[in-house]
N, C-alpha and C. Protein backbone atom coordinates (compact mmCIF):
# COMPACT_ATOMS: atom_id res chain seq x y z
N MET A 1 27.58 -50.51 7.60
CA MET A 1 26.71 -50.28 8.74
C MET A 1 25.39 -51.01 8.51
N VAL A 2 24.92 -51.75 9.49
CA VAL A 2 23.67 -52.49 9.41
C VAL A 2 22.56 -51.66 10.04
N ALA A 3 21.48 -51.49 9.29
CA ALA A 3 20.34 -50.74 9.82
C ALA A 3 19.64 -51.59 10.88
N SER A 4 19.21 -50.96 11.94
CA SER A 4 18.51 -51.69 12.99
C SER A 4 17.07 -51.93 12.59
N ALA A 5 16.49 -52.94 13.18
CA ALA A 5 15.14 -53.34 12.84
C ALA A 5 14.12 -52.33 13.36
N VAL A 6 13.13 -52.13 12.54
CA VAL A 6 11.99 -51.30 12.92
C VAL A 6 11.03 -52.20 13.69
N PHE A 7 10.41 -51.66 14.74
CA PHE A 7 9.46 -52.46 15.52
C PHE A 7 8.08 -51.81 15.51
N VAL A 8 7.07 -52.64 15.68
CA VAL A 8 5.69 -52.23 15.94
C VAL A 8 5.22 -53.07 17.11
N ARG A 9 4.63 -52.43 18.10
CA ARG A 9 4.12 -53.16 19.26
C ARG A 9 2.95 -52.40 19.86
N ALA A 10 2.28 -53.07 20.79
CA ALA A 10 1.16 -52.44 21.49
C ALA A 10 1.64 -51.22 22.27
N MET A 11 0.80 -50.21 22.31
CA MET A 11 1.11 -49.01 23.10
C MET A 11 0.80 -49.32 24.56
N HIS A 12 1.68 -48.84 25.45
CA HIS A 12 1.51 -49.01 26.89
C HIS A 12 1.48 -47.64 27.55
N ALA A 13 1.00 -47.60 28.77
CA ALA A 13 0.92 -46.33 29.50
C ALA A 13 2.29 -45.67 29.63
N ASP A 14 3.35 -46.46 29.73
CA ASP A 14 4.67 -45.84 29.86
C ASP A 14 5.19 -45.27 28.54
N ASP A 15 4.43 -45.40 27.46
CA ASP A 15 4.78 -44.77 26.17
C ASP A 15 4.21 -43.36 26.05
N LEU A 16 3.40 -42.93 27.03
CA LEU A 16 2.69 -41.66 26.86
C LEU A 16 3.62 -40.46 26.72
N ASP A 17 4.74 -40.44 27.41
CA ASP A 17 5.67 -39.31 27.25
C ASP A 17 6.18 -39.24 25.82
N ALA A 18 6.53 -40.39 25.24
CA ALA A 18 6.99 -40.42 23.86
C ALA A 18 5.87 -40.00 22.90
N VAL A 19 4.66 -40.47 23.15
CA VAL A 19 3.51 -40.10 22.31
C VAL A 19 3.30 -38.59 22.35
N LEU A 20 3.34 -38.01 23.54
CA LEU A 20 3.16 -36.56 23.66
C LEU A 20 4.27 -35.80 22.94
N ALA A 21 5.50 -36.27 23.03
CA ALA A 21 6.61 -35.61 22.35
C ALA A 21 6.44 -35.68 20.83
N ILE A 22 5.99 -36.82 20.32
CA ILE A 22 5.74 -36.96 18.88
C ILE A 22 4.62 -36.02 18.46
N GLN A 23 3.57 -35.98 19.25
CA GLN A 23 2.43 -35.10 18.95
C GLN A 23 2.88 -33.65 18.88
N LEU A 24 3.66 -33.21 19.84
CA LEU A 24 4.14 -31.82 19.85
C LEU A 24 5.02 -31.52 18.65
N ALA A 25 5.79 -32.50 18.20
CA ALA A 25 6.68 -32.30 17.04
C ALA A 25 5.91 -32.25 15.72
N CYS A 26 4.70 -32.82 15.71
CA CYS A 26 3.96 -32.98 14.46
C CYS A 26 2.81 -31.99 14.26
N TYR A 27 2.19 -31.56 15.33
CA TYR A 27 0.92 -30.84 15.21
C TYR A 27 1.02 -29.39 15.65
N GLY A 28 0.15 -28.59 15.09
CA GLY A 28 -0.03 -27.24 15.59
C GLY A 28 -0.82 -27.27 16.88
N ALA A 29 -0.86 -26.15 17.56
CA ALA A 29 -1.49 -26.07 18.87
C ALA A 29 -2.96 -26.52 18.86
N GLY A 30 -3.67 -26.31 17.79
CA GLY A 30 -5.08 -26.67 17.73
C GLY A 30 -5.34 -28.16 17.77
N PHE A 31 -4.33 -28.98 17.46
CA PHE A 31 -4.51 -30.43 17.41
C PHE A 31 -3.94 -31.17 18.61
N VAL A 32 -3.09 -30.55 19.38
CA VAL A 32 -2.45 -31.25 20.50
C VAL A 32 -3.50 -31.64 21.54
N GLU A 33 -3.50 -32.92 21.90
CA GLU A 33 -4.43 -33.43 22.90
C GLU A 33 -3.65 -33.81 24.15
N ASP A 34 -4.22 -33.55 25.32
CA ASP A 34 -3.44 -33.70 26.54
C ASP A 34 -3.25 -35.16 26.95
N GLY A 35 -2.23 -35.37 27.78
CA GLY A 35 -1.84 -36.71 28.21
C GLY A 35 -2.92 -37.46 28.95
N ALA A 36 -3.70 -36.77 29.77
CA ALA A 36 -4.77 -37.44 30.51
C ALA A 36 -5.82 -38.01 29.55
N LEU A 37 -6.16 -37.26 28.51
CA LEU A 37 -7.12 -37.74 27.51
C LEU A 37 -6.55 -38.95 26.77
N ILE A 38 -5.30 -38.87 26.37
CA ILE A 38 -4.67 -39.98 25.66
C ILE A 38 -4.64 -41.22 26.56
N ALA A 39 -4.35 -41.05 27.83
CA ALA A 39 -4.34 -42.17 28.77
C ALA A 39 -5.73 -42.79 28.90
N ARG A 40 -6.78 -41.96 28.96
CA ARG A 40 -8.15 -42.49 29.04
C ARG A 40 -8.50 -43.26 27.77
N ARG A 41 -8.09 -42.74 26.62
CA ARG A 41 -8.36 -43.44 25.36
C ARG A 41 -7.65 -44.79 25.32
N LEU A 42 -6.40 -44.82 25.77
CA LEU A 42 -5.66 -46.07 25.78
C LEU A 42 -6.34 -47.07 26.72
N ALA A 43 -6.83 -46.59 27.85
CA ALA A 43 -7.54 -47.47 28.79
C ALA A 43 -8.86 -47.98 28.19
N ALA A 44 -9.53 -47.14 27.39
CA ALA A 44 -10.80 -47.52 26.78
C ALA A 44 -10.61 -48.53 25.65
N ALA A 45 -9.49 -48.44 24.94
CA ALA A 45 -9.25 -49.31 23.78
C ALA A 45 -7.80 -49.78 23.77
N PRO A 46 -7.39 -50.57 24.77
CA PRO A 46 -5.98 -50.96 24.89
C PRO A 46 -5.48 -51.87 23.77
N GLU A 47 -6.36 -52.57 23.11
CA GLU A 47 -5.96 -53.50 22.05
C GLU A 47 -5.74 -52.81 20.70
N THR A 48 -6.07 -51.52 20.61
CA THR A 48 -6.01 -50.85 19.30
C THR A 48 -5.17 -49.57 19.35
N GLY A 49 -4.15 -49.60 20.16
CA GLY A 49 -3.16 -48.52 20.18
C GLY A 49 -1.79 -49.15 19.98
N TRP A 50 -1.00 -48.59 19.06
CA TRP A 50 0.30 -49.16 18.74
C TRP A 50 1.35 -48.07 18.64
N VAL A 51 2.59 -48.47 18.85
CA VAL A 51 3.73 -47.58 18.64
C VAL A 51 4.70 -48.28 17.70
N ALA A 52 5.54 -47.48 17.05
CA ALA A 52 6.57 -48.01 16.16
C ALA A 52 7.82 -47.19 16.35
N GLY A 53 8.94 -47.79 16.01
CA GLY A 53 10.18 -47.05 16.12
C GLY A 53 11.36 -47.85 15.64
N GLN A 54 12.51 -47.39 16.03
CA GLN A 54 13.76 -48.01 15.64
C GLN A 54 14.77 -47.80 16.76
N ASP A 55 15.71 -48.72 16.89
CA ASP A 55 16.73 -48.64 17.94
C ASP A 55 16.11 -48.54 19.33
N GLY A 56 14.97 -49.18 19.53
CA GLY A 56 14.31 -49.18 20.83
C GLY A 56 13.61 -47.88 21.18
N GLU A 57 13.62 -46.91 20.28
CA GLU A 57 13.02 -45.60 20.55
C GLU A 57 11.69 -45.47 19.82
N VAL A 58 10.64 -45.11 20.54
CA VAL A 58 9.32 -44.89 19.94
C VAL A 58 9.38 -43.60 19.12
N ARG A 59 9.04 -43.71 17.82
CA ARG A 59 9.09 -42.56 16.91
C ARG A 59 7.76 -42.31 16.21
N ALA A 60 6.77 -43.20 16.43
CA ALA A 60 5.47 -43.05 15.79
C ALA A 60 4.43 -43.76 16.62
N TYR A 61 3.17 -43.37 16.45
CA TYR A 61 2.09 -44.05 17.16
C TYR A 61 0.81 -43.97 16.35
N LEU A 62 -0.10 -44.89 16.66
CA LEU A 62 -1.43 -44.92 16.07
C LEU A 62 -2.41 -45.24 17.18
N ALA A 63 -3.34 -44.33 17.42
CA ALA A 63 -4.41 -44.54 18.40
C ALA A 63 -5.71 -44.78 17.63
N ALA A 64 -6.34 -45.92 17.89
CA ALA A 64 -7.55 -46.31 17.17
C ALA A 64 -8.52 -46.95 18.15
N TYR A 65 -9.73 -47.25 17.67
CA TYR A 65 -10.69 -47.96 18.52
C TYR A 65 -11.78 -48.60 17.68
N PRO A 66 -12.42 -49.65 18.22
CA PRO A 66 -13.54 -50.31 17.53
C PRO A 66 -14.72 -49.35 17.45
N SER A 67 -15.28 -49.21 16.25
CA SER A 67 -16.33 -48.23 16.04
C SER A 67 -17.39 -48.77 15.07
N ILE A 68 -18.27 -47.88 14.71
CA ILE A 68 -19.31 -48.14 13.71
C ILE A 68 -19.04 -47.21 12.54
N ALA A 69 -19.04 -47.74 11.34
CA ALA A 69 -18.80 -46.90 10.16
C ALA A 69 -19.82 -45.75 10.14
N GLY A 70 -19.33 -44.56 9.84
CA GLY A 70 -20.18 -43.37 9.79
C GLY A 70 -20.12 -42.54 11.06
N LYS A 71 -19.55 -43.10 12.12
CA LYS A 71 -19.44 -42.40 13.40
C LYS A 71 -17.99 -42.01 13.63
N LEU A 72 -17.77 -40.83 14.17
CA LEU A 72 -16.40 -40.38 14.41
C LEU A 72 -16.27 -39.69 15.75
N THR A 73 -15.03 -39.47 16.14
CA THR A 73 -14.73 -38.82 17.41
C THR A 73 -14.41 -37.36 17.14
N ALA A 74 -15.01 -36.48 17.93
CA ALA A 74 -14.68 -35.06 17.84
C ALA A 74 -13.25 -34.84 18.31
N LEU A 75 -12.63 -33.79 17.82
CA LEU A 75 -11.30 -33.44 18.30
C LEU A 75 -11.39 -33.21 19.80
N HIS A 76 -10.48 -33.77 20.54
CA HIS A 76 -10.42 -33.71 22.00
C HIS A 76 -11.56 -34.50 22.66
N GLY A 77 -12.24 -35.36 21.89
CA GLY A 77 -13.34 -36.16 22.44
C GLY A 77 -12.87 -37.50 22.97
N GLU A 78 -13.68 -38.09 23.80
CA GLU A 78 -13.40 -39.41 24.35
C GLU A 78 -13.68 -40.47 23.28
N PHE A 79 -12.99 -41.59 23.36
CA PHE A 79 -13.29 -42.72 22.48
C PHE A 79 -14.59 -43.36 22.94
N GLU A 80 -15.48 -43.62 22.01
CA GLU A 80 -16.74 -44.31 22.27
C GLU A 80 -16.64 -45.69 21.64
N VAL A 81 -16.06 -46.62 22.37
CA VAL A 81 -15.81 -47.97 21.85
C VAL A 81 -17.14 -48.68 21.64
N ALA A 82 -17.35 -49.18 20.42
CA ALA A 82 -18.60 -49.86 20.06
C ALA A 82 -18.53 -51.32 20.49
N SER A 83 -19.57 -51.78 21.17
CA SER A 83 -19.60 -53.18 21.59
C SER A 83 -19.83 -54.11 20.40
N LYS A 84 -20.50 -53.62 19.37
CA LYS A 84 -20.74 -54.40 18.15
C LYS A 84 -20.15 -53.65 16.97
N ALA A 85 -18.84 -53.53 17.00
CA ALA A 85 -18.12 -52.75 15.99
C ALA A 85 -18.16 -53.41 14.62
N ASP A 86 -18.13 -52.57 13.58
CA ASP A 86 -17.96 -53.05 12.22
C ASP A 86 -16.79 -52.34 11.53
N ALA A 87 -16.12 -51.45 12.28
CA ALA A 87 -15.04 -50.66 11.71
C ALA A 87 -13.97 -50.38 12.76
N LEU A 88 -12.76 -50.15 12.29
CA LEU A 88 -11.69 -49.67 13.14
C LEU A 88 -11.48 -48.20 12.80
N TYR A 89 -11.73 -47.34 13.78
CA TYR A 89 -11.57 -45.91 13.58
C TYR A 89 -10.15 -45.52 13.96
N LEU A 90 -9.40 -44.98 13.00
CA LEU A 90 -8.04 -44.51 13.25
C LEU A 90 -8.12 -43.05 13.64
N HIS A 91 -7.93 -42.77 14.91
CA HIS A 91 -8.09 -41.39 15.38
C HIS A 91 -6.84 -40.56 15.21
N ASP A 92 -5.68 -41.14 15.46
CA ASP A 92 -4.48 -40.32 15.45
C ASP A 92 -3.27 -41.15 15.05
N LEU A 93 -2.67 -40.78 13.93
CA LEU A 93 -1.42 -41.37 13.46
C LEU A 93 -0.41 -40.24 13.37
N ALA A 94 0.73 -40.41 14.01
CA ALA A 94 1.77 -39.39 13.95
C ALA A 94 3.13 -40.06 13.91
N VAL A 95 4.01 -39.50 13.08
CA VAL A 95 5.39 -39.97 12.96
C VAL A 95 6.30 -38.77 13.22
N HIS A 96 7.21 -38.93 14.15
CA HIS A 96 8.14 -37.84 14.46
C HIS A 96 8.90 -37.46 13.19
N PRO A 97 9.06 -36.16 12.92
CA PRO A 97 9.77 -35.75 11.70
C PRO A 97 11.17 -36.36 11.56
N ALA A 98 11.83 -36.64 12.67
CA ALA A 98 13.16 -37.24 12.61
C ALA A 98 13.13 -38.68 12.09
N ALA A 99 11.94 -39.29 12.07
CA ALA A 99 11.80 -40.67 11.59
C ALA A 99 11.19 -40.72 10.19
N SER A 100 11.07 -39.59 9.54
CA SER A 100 10.53 -39.54 8.19
C SER A 100 11.34 -40.44 7.26
N GLY A 101 10.64 -41.15 6.41
CA GLY A 101 11.31 -42.02 5.44
C GLY A 101 11.50 -43.45 5.90
N LEU A 102 11.20 -43.75 7.14
CA LEU A 102 11.35 -45.12 7.64
C LEU A 102 10.13 -45.99 7.32
N GLY A 103 9.04 -45.39 6.86
CA GLY A 103 7.83 -46.14 6.55
C GLY A 103 7.01 -46.52 7.77
N LEU A 104 7.22 -45.81 8.88
CA LEU A 104 6.52 -46.17 10.12
C LEU A 104 5.01 -45.94 10.02
N GLY A 105 4.57 -44.86 9.37
CA GLY A 105 3.14 -44.59 9.24
C GLY A 105 2.42 -45.71 8.51
N PRO A 106 2.83 -46.03 7.27
CA PRO A 106 2.16 -47.12 6.56
C PRO A 106 2.28 -48.46 7.30
N ARG A 107 3.38 -48.70 7.96
CA ARG A 107 3.55 -49.96 8.70
C ARG A 107 2.53 -50.05 9.83
N LEU A 108 2.33 -48.96 10.57
CA LEU A 108 1.33 -48.95 11.65
C LEU A 108 -0.07 -49.15 11.09
N VAL A 109 -0.37 -48.51 9.97
CA VAL A 109 -1.69 -48.64 9.36
C VAL A 109 -1.94 -50.09 8.92
N ARG A 110 -0.98 -50.71 8.27
CA ARG A 110 -1.14 -52.12 7.87
C ARG A 110 -1.32 -53.03 9.09
N HIS A 111 -0.59 -52.75 10.14
CA HIS A 111 -0.74 -53.53 11.38
C HIS A 111 -2.17 -53.39 11.92
N ALA A 112 -2.70 -52.19 11.88
CA ALA A 112 -4.07 -51.94 12.34
C ALA A 112 -5.08 -52.70 11.47
N TRP A 113 -4.88 -52.71 10.16
CA TRP A 113 -5.79 -53.45 9.28
C TRP A 113 -5.78 -54.94 9.60
N GLU A 114 -4.59 -55.48 9.87
CA GLU A 114 -4.50 -56.90 10.22
C GLU A 114 -5.30 -57.19 11.48
N HIS A 115 -5.18 -56.32 12.47
CA HIS A 115 -5.94 -56.47 13.71
C HIS A 115 -7.44 -56.41 13.41
N ALA A 116 -7.84 -55.44 12.61
CA ALA A 116 -9.26 -55.28 12.28
C ALA A 116 -9.80 -56.50 11.55
N ALA A 117 -9.04 -57.01 10.59
CA ALA A 117 -9.48 -58.20 9.85
C ALA A 117 -9.65 -59.39 10.78
N GLU A 118 -8.72 -59.58 11.71
CA GLU A 118 -8.82 -60.68 12.67
C GLU A 118 -10.04 -60.53 13.57
N ALA A 119 -10.42 -59.28 13.86
CA ALA A 119 -11.59 -59.02 14.70
C ALA A 119 -12.90 -59.12 13.92
N GLY A 120 -12.81 -59.22 12.59
CA GLY A 120 -14.00 -59.32 11.76
C GLY A 120 -14.57 -57.97 11.33
N TRP A 121 -13.85 -56.91 11.56
CA TRP A 121 -14.30 -55.59 11.14
C TRP A 121 -13.97 -55.40 9.68
N ARG A 122 -14.91 -54.94 8.91
CA ARG A 122 -14.78 -54.87 7.46
C ARG A 122 -14.37 -53.51 6.92
N GLN A 123 -14.28 -52.52 7.80
CA GLN A 123 -13.94 -51.19 7.34
C GLN A 123 -12.99 -50.51 8.31
N SER A 124 -12.27 -49.55 7.78
CA SER A 124 -11.46 -48.66 8.60
C SER A 124 -11.88 -47.25 8.24
N THR A 125 -12.03 -46.40 9.26
CA THR A 125 -12.48 -45.03 9.03
C THR A 125 -11.55 -44.07 9.74
N LEU A 126 -11.60 -42.80 9.37
CA LEU A 126 -10.74 -41.79 9.97
C LEU A 126 -11.18 -40.40 9.52
N VAL A 127 -10.57 -39.40 10.15
CA VAL A 127 -10.71 -38.01 9.70
C VAL A 127 -9.33 -37.57 9.26
N SER A 128 -9.23 -37.18 8.00
CA SER A 128 -7.98 -36.65 7.45
C SER A 128 -7.89 -35.17 7.81
N VAL A 129 -6.74 -34.77 8.37
CA VAL A 129 -6.51 -33.38 8.76
C VAL A 129 -5.13 -32.95 8.27
N GLN A 130 -4.87 -31.68 8.35
CA GLN A 130 -3.57 -31.09 8.04
C GLN A 130 -3.01 -31.56 6.70
N ALA A 131 -3.85 -31.50 5.67
CA ALA A 131 -3.43 -31.83 4.31
C ALA A 131 -2.89 -33.26 4.17
N SER A 132 -3.44 -34.19 4.94
CA SER A 132 -2.99 -35.59 4.89
C SER A 132 -3.81 -36.46 3.94
N MET A 133 -4.77 -35.87 3.25
CA MET A 133 -5.68 -36.66 2.42
C MET A 133 -4.93 -37.48 1.36
N GLY A 134 -3.89 -36.94 0.76
CA GLY A 134 -3.13 -37.68 -0.24
C GLY A 134 -2.51 -38.94 0.34
N PHE A 135 -1.95 -38.83 1.55
CA PHE A 135 -1.40 -40.00 2.23
C PHE A 135 -2.47 -41.06 2.39
N TRP A 136 -3.64 -40.66 2.88
CA TRP A 136 -4.70 -41.64 3.14
C TRP A 136 -5.25 -42.22 1.85
N GLU A 137 -5.34 -41.42 0.79
CA GLU A 137 -5.78 -41.96 -0.49
C GLU A 137 -4.79 -43.01 -1.00
N ARG A 138 -3.50 -42.79 -0.80
CA ARG A 138 -2.50 -43.79 -1.20
C ARG A 138 -2.65 -45.08 -0.39
N GLN A 139 -3.26 -45.00 0.78
CA GLN A 139 -3.52 -46.19 1.60
C GLN A 139 -4.85 -46.84 1.25
N GLY A 140 -5.57 -46.27 0.28
CA GLY A 140 -6.82 -46.86 -0.18
C GLY A 140 -8.09 -46.27 0.41
N TYR A 141 -7.99 -45.18 1.15
CA TYR A 141 -9.17 -44.53 1.74
C TYR A 141 -9.83 -43.61 0.72
N VAL A 142 -11.15 -43.47 0.84
CA VAL A 142 -11.90 -42.54 -0.01
C VAL A 142 -12.73 -41.62 0.87
N ALA A 143 -12.87 -40.39 0.40
CA ALA A 143 -13.66 -39.39 1.13
C ALA A 143 -15.13 -39.75 1.07
N THR A 144 -15.82 -39.53 2.18
CA THR A 144 -17.26 -39.77 2.25
C THR A 144 -17.84 -38.85 3.32
N GLN A 145 -19.14 -38.84 3.44
CA GLN A 145 -19.79 -38.03 4.46
C GLN A 145 -20.09 -38.88 5.68
N PRO A 146 -19.87 -38.35 6.89
CA PRO A 146 -20.28 -39.09 8.09
C PRO A 146 -21.80 -39.15 8.17
N ASP A 147 -22.32 -40.05 8.99
CA ASP A 147 -23.76 -40.26 9.10
C ASP A 147 -24.46 -39.17 9.90
N GLY A 148 -25.26 -38.36 9.25
CA GLY A 148 -26.15 -37.43 9.92
C GLY A 148 -25.52 -36.18 10.49
N PRO A 149 -26.39 -35.26 10.93
CA PRO A 149 -25.93 -33.96 11.43
C PRO A 149 -25.04 -34.03 12.68
N ALA A 150 -25.31 -34.97 13.57
CA ALA A 150 -24.50 -35.06 14.78
C ALA A 150 -23.05 -35.41 14.44
N GLN A 151 -22.86 -36.36 13.54
CA GLN A 151 -21.51 -36.75 13.14
C GLN A 151 -20.85 -35.66 12.30
N GLN A 152 -21.61 -34.97 11.48
CA GLN A 152 -21.07 -33.85 10.72
C GLN A 152 -20.63 -32.73 11.67
N GLY A 153 -21.35 -32.56 12.77
CA GLY A 153 -20.96 -31.59 13.79
C GLY A 153 -19.64 -31.98 14.44
N ARG A 154 -19.45 -33.27 14.67
CA ARG A 154 -18.18 -33.73 15.23
C ARG A 154 -17.03 -33.44 14.25
N LEU A 155 -17.28 -33.67 12.97
CA LEU A 155 -16.27 -33.39 11.95
C LEU A 155 -15.89 -31.91 11.97
N ALA A 156 -16.87 -31.06 12.22
CA ALA A 156 -16.63 -29.61 12.22
C ALA A 156 -15.76 -29.16 13.40
N THR A 157 -15.50 -30.02 14.38
CA THR A 157 -14.63 -29.64 15.50
C THR A 157 -13.16 -29.59 15.10
N TYR A 158 -12.84 -30.16 13.95
CA TYR A 158 -11.45 -30.16 13.47
C TYR A 158 -11.19 -28.89 12.68
N PRO A 159 -10.11 -28.17 12.99
CA PRO A 159 -9.81 -26.96 12.22
C PRO A 159 -9.33 -27.30 10.81
N GLY A 160 -9.52 -26.36 9.91
CA GLY A 160 -9.03 -26.55 8.54
C GLY A 160 -9.90 -27.49 7.74
N ASP A 161 -9.29 -28.05 6.72
CA ASP A 161 -10.00 -28.94 5.81
C ASP A 161 -9.96 -30.38 6.32
N ALA A 162 -10.92 -30.72 7.16
CA ALA A 162 -11.03 -32.08 7.70
C ALA A 162 -11.98 -32.88 6.81
N VAL A 163 -11.59 -34.12 6.49
CA VAL A 163 -12.37 -34.96 5.58
C VAL A 163 -12.54 -36.33 6.22
N TYR A 164 -13.78 -36.80 6.29
CA TYR A 164 -14.05 -38.15 6.78
C TYR A 164 -13.77 -39.13 5.65
N MET A 165 -13.06 -40.23 5.97
CA MET A 165 -12.65 -41.19 4.94
C MET A 165 -12.90 -42.62 5.39
N VAL A 166 -13.10 -43.52 4.42
CA VAL A 166 -13.41 -44.92 4.69
C VAL A 166 -12.59 -45.80 3.75
N ARG A 167 -12.21 -46.96 4.25
CA ARG A 167 -11.53 -47.97 3.44
C ARG A 167 -12.07 -49.34 3.81
N ARG A 168 -12.36 -50.16 2.80
CA ARG A 168 -12.77 -51.55 3.06
C ARG A 168 -11.55 -52.35 3.47
N ILE A 169 -11.78 -53.33 4.33
CA ILE A 169 -10.73 -54.23 4.78
C ILE A 169 -11.10 -55.64 4.36
N GLY A 170 -10.13 -56.35 3.83
CA GLY A 170 -10.34 -57.75 3.49
C GLY A 170 -11.05 -58.03 2.22
């Protein structure tokens, strides 16, 4: 039996049902973000949303946007795309449990870094949630503090042990 090729491509509006299904399969109720918000984020940053899968089926996604290092998005917040970005903020990476072991998460992250490097952004940032810090550390991210009280307040919108992390690119 020949394994089918894994794909990574730009996220489109018609992927939103698959994205919502993956989100529901991966997250507890406190993290699920509604389809209208995800659609607005995709419209705000269409070049930095990707999906991955196999056999033509979307099984993972990464929603990101051009940002400034030290700044983050609150849970359920709108993307604030920076006109003079220096970082790619990875807001949401999810892989459907049925696709575990295919390497879709790391593949999407590497794809995002390539995009960021081409854009001239030197850093990637994110908030680690739901005990994902080990995964992100294996990708080269390190824990740090966001810039100032306003950004720390945004970090506090995430339930549980949320950690702001940064990785150099290039």
